[in-house]
Amino acid sequence: MTIELKKFGTTLISRPAGKEAWLAFQPILKNVQQDESITVDFKDVLVLTPSWADEFLTPLQNNFKNNIQLINTNNPSVKATLEILNKT
């Protein structure tokens, strides 16, 4: 499964918006098997804040552990946010 974050917008900011995106994505995730690979695609995301990412990516990581692959993470905003999340 591939999650294209641009479907949530190109400017992903605020904790409430991240939580809303996570909750909106729940019906789709219910069909994903625990061992299924999930690709998170950051293509066309211009801004990603740690608060948005924490609300969406952290629970995704908690639920699917090592089955997550991140692609198109070269944007400086995305790169910096992922570094912050990895430190916590």
C-alpha atoms as a PDB file:
ATOM      1  CA  MET A   1       0.000   0.000   0.000  1.00  0.00           C
ATOM      2  CA  THR A   2       1.189   3.515  -0.774  1.00  0.00           C
ATOM      3  CA  ILE A   3       0.063   6.551   1.219  1.00  0.00           C
ATOM      4  CA  GLU A   4       0.446   9.714  -0.844  1.00  0.00           C
ATOM      5  CA  LEU A   5       0.588  12.477   1.739  1.00  0.00           C
ATOM      6  CA  LYS A   6      -0.106  15.138  -0.893  1.00  0.00           C
ATOM      7  CA  LYS A   7      -3.732  13.954  -0.771  1.00  0.00           C
ATOM      8  CA  PHE A   8      -3.876  15.668   2.621  1.00  0.00           C
ATOM      9  CA  GLY A   9      -2.369  18.846   1.159  1.00  0.00           C
ATOM     10  CA  THR A  10       1.060  20.199   0.315  1.00  0.00           C
ATOM     11  CA  THR A  11       1.400  22.140   3.571  1.00  0.00           C
ATOM     12  CA  LEU A  12       0.988  19.690   6.426  1.00  0.00           C
ATOM     13  CA  ILE A  13       0.943  21.717   9.612  1.00  0.00           C
ATOM     14  CA  SER A  14      -0.656  21.615  13.059  1.00  0.00           C
ATOM     15  CA  ARG A  15      -1.360  18.808  15.444  1.00  0.00           C
ATOM     16  CA  PRO A  16      -5.170  18.967  14.940  1.00  0.00           C
ATOM     17  CA  ALA A  17      -4.782  18.648  11.163  1.00  0.00           C
ATOM     18  CA  GLY A  18      -2.442  15.675  11.546  1.00  0.00           C
ATOM     19  CA  LYS A  19      -4.846  13.961  13.929  1.00  0.00           C
ATOM     20  CA  GLU A  20      -7.742  14.633  11.551  1.00  0.00           C
ATOM     21  CA  ALA A  21      -5.765  13.100   8.665  1.00  0.00           C
ATOM     22  CA  TRP A  22      -4.931  10.059  10.819  1.00  0.00           C
ATOM     23  CA  LEU A  23      -8.557   9.549  11.822  1.00  0.00           C
ATOM     24  CA  ALA A  24      -9.768  10.012   8.236  1.00  0.00           C
ATOM     25  CA  PHE A  25      -7.321   7.325   7.076  1.00  0.00           C
ATOM     26  CA  GLN A  26      -8.448   4.714   9.611  1.00  0.00           C
ATOM     27  CA  PRO A  27     -11.042   2.992   7.378  1.00  0.00           C
ATOM     28  CA  ILE A  28      -8.357   2.326   4.764  1.00  0.00           C
ATOM     29  CA  LEU A  29      -5.835   1.057   7.311  1.00  0.00           C
ATOM     30  CA  LYS A  30      -8.325  -1.475   8.679  1.00  0.00           C
ATOM     31  CA  ASN A  31      -7.863  -3.472   5.475  1.00  0.00           C
ATOM     32  CA  VAL A  32      -4.067  -3.556   5.760  1.00  0.00           C
ATOM     33  CA  GLN A  33      -2.486  -6.759   7.075  1.00  0.00           C
ATOM     34  CA  GLN A  34       0.076  -6.416   9.892  1.00  0.00           C
ATOM     35  CA  ASP A  35       2.846  -7.825   7.661  1.00  0.00           C
ATOM     36  CA  GLU A  36       1.900  -5.765   4.597  1.00  0.00           C
ATOM     37  CA  SER A  37       4.410  -3.192   3.414  1.00  0.00           C
ATOM     38  CA  ILE A  38       3.347   0.456   3.624  1.00  0.00           C
ATOM     39  CA  THR A  39       5.073   3.140   1.587  1.00  0.00           C
ATOM     40  CA  VAL A  40       4.643   6.748   2.705  1.00  0.00           C
ATOM     41  CA  ASP A  41       5.247   9.056  -0.254  1.00  0.00           C
ATOM     42  CA  PHE A  42       6.195  12.683   0.484  1.00  0.00           C
ATOM     43  CA  LYS A  43       6.172  13.731  -3.193  1.00  0.00           C
ATOM     44  CA  ASP A  44       4.846  17.302  -3.647  1.00  0.00           C
ATOM     45  CA  VAL A  45       4.723  17.958   0.118  1.00  0.00           C
ATOM     46  CA  LEU A  46       6.198  21.441   0.536  1.00  0.00           C
ATOM     47  CA  VAL A  47       5.959  21.816   4.319  1.00  0.00           C
ATOM     48  CA  LEU A  48       5.780  19.119   6.984  1.00  0.00           C
ATOM     49  CA  THR A  49       5.818  20.136  10.632  1.00  0.00           C
ATOM     50  CA  PRO A  50       6.805  17.872  13.507  1.00  0.00           C
ATOM     51  CA  SER A  51       3.380  18.288  15.108  1.00  0.00           C
ATOM     52  CA  TRP A  52       1.484  17.077  12.005  1.00  0.00           C
ATOM     53  CA  ALA A  53       3.934  14.243  11.432  1.00  0.00           C
ATOM     54  CA  ASP A  54       3.776  13.168  15.072  1.00  0.00           C
ATOM     55  CA  GLU A  55       0.002  12.822  14.884  1.00  0.00           C
ATOM     56  CA  PHE A  56       0.072  10.832  11.628  1.00  0.00           C
ATOM     57  CA  LEU A  57       3.421   9.057  11.295  1.00  0.00           C
ATOM     58  CA  THR A  58       3.990   8.087  14.933  1.00  0.00           C
ATOM     59  CA  PRO A  59       0.778   6.041  15.285  1.00  0.00           C
ATOM     60  CA  LEU A  60       1.390   4.566  11.824  1.00  0.00           C
ATOM     61  CA  GLN A  61       4.843   3.486  12.969  1.00  0.00           C
ATOM     62  CA  ASN A  62       3.451   2.143  16.246  1.00  0.00           C
ATOM     63  CA  ASN A  63       0.847   0.051  14.430  1.00  0.00           C
ATOM     64  CA  PHE A  64       2.941  -1.282  11.572  1.00  0.00           C
ATOM     65  CA  LYS A  65       6.454  -1.304  13.098  1.00  0.00           C
ATOM     66  CA  ASN A  66       9.132  -2.178  10.531  1.00  0.00           C
ATOM     67  CA  ASN A  67       6.837  -2.471   7.515  1.00  0.00           C
ATOM     68  CA  ILE A  68       7.001   1.232   6.668  1.00  0.00           C
ATOM     69  CA  GLN A  69       9.127   2.743   3.927  1.00  0.00           C
ATOM     70  CA  LEU A  70       9.452   6.501   3.435  1.00  0.00           C
ATOM     71  CA  ILE A  71      10.086   7.815  -0.090  1.00  0.00           C
ATOM     72  CA  ASN A  72      10.649  11.253  -1.643  1.00  0.00           C
ATOM     73  CA  THR A  73      12.019  12.664   1.605  1.00  0.00           C
ATOM     74  CA  ASN A  74      14.550  15.058   0.040  1.00  0.00           C
ATOM     75  CA  ASN A  75      12.543  18.216   0.789  1.00  0.00           C
ATOM     76  CA  PRO A  76      14.385  20.116   3.583  1.00  0.00           C
ATOM     77  CA  SER A  77      11.180  20.511   5.613  1.00  0.00           C
ATOM     78  CA  VAL A  78      10.400  16.804   5.402  1.00  0.00           C
ATOM     79  CA  LYS A  79      13.996  15.838   6.131  1.00  0.00           C
ATOM     80  CA  ALA A  80      14.224  18.091   9.205  1.00  0.00           C
ATOM     81  CA  THR A  81      10.886  16.873  10.584  1.00  0.00           C
ATOM     82  CA  LEU A  82      11.836  13.214  10.173  1.00  0.00           C
ATOM     83  CA  GLU A  83      15.132  13.876  11.968  1.00  0.00           C
ATOM     84  CA  ILE A  84      13.242  15.479  14.869  1.00  0.00           C
ATOM     85  CA  LEU A  85      10.840  12.554  15.114  1.00  0.00           C
ATOM     86  CA  ASN A  86      13.704  10.050  15.080  1.00  0.00           C
ATOM     87  CA  LYS A  87      15.284  11.792  18.084  1.00  0.00           C
ATOM     88  CA  THR A  88      12.197  11.361  20.246  1.00  0.00           C
END
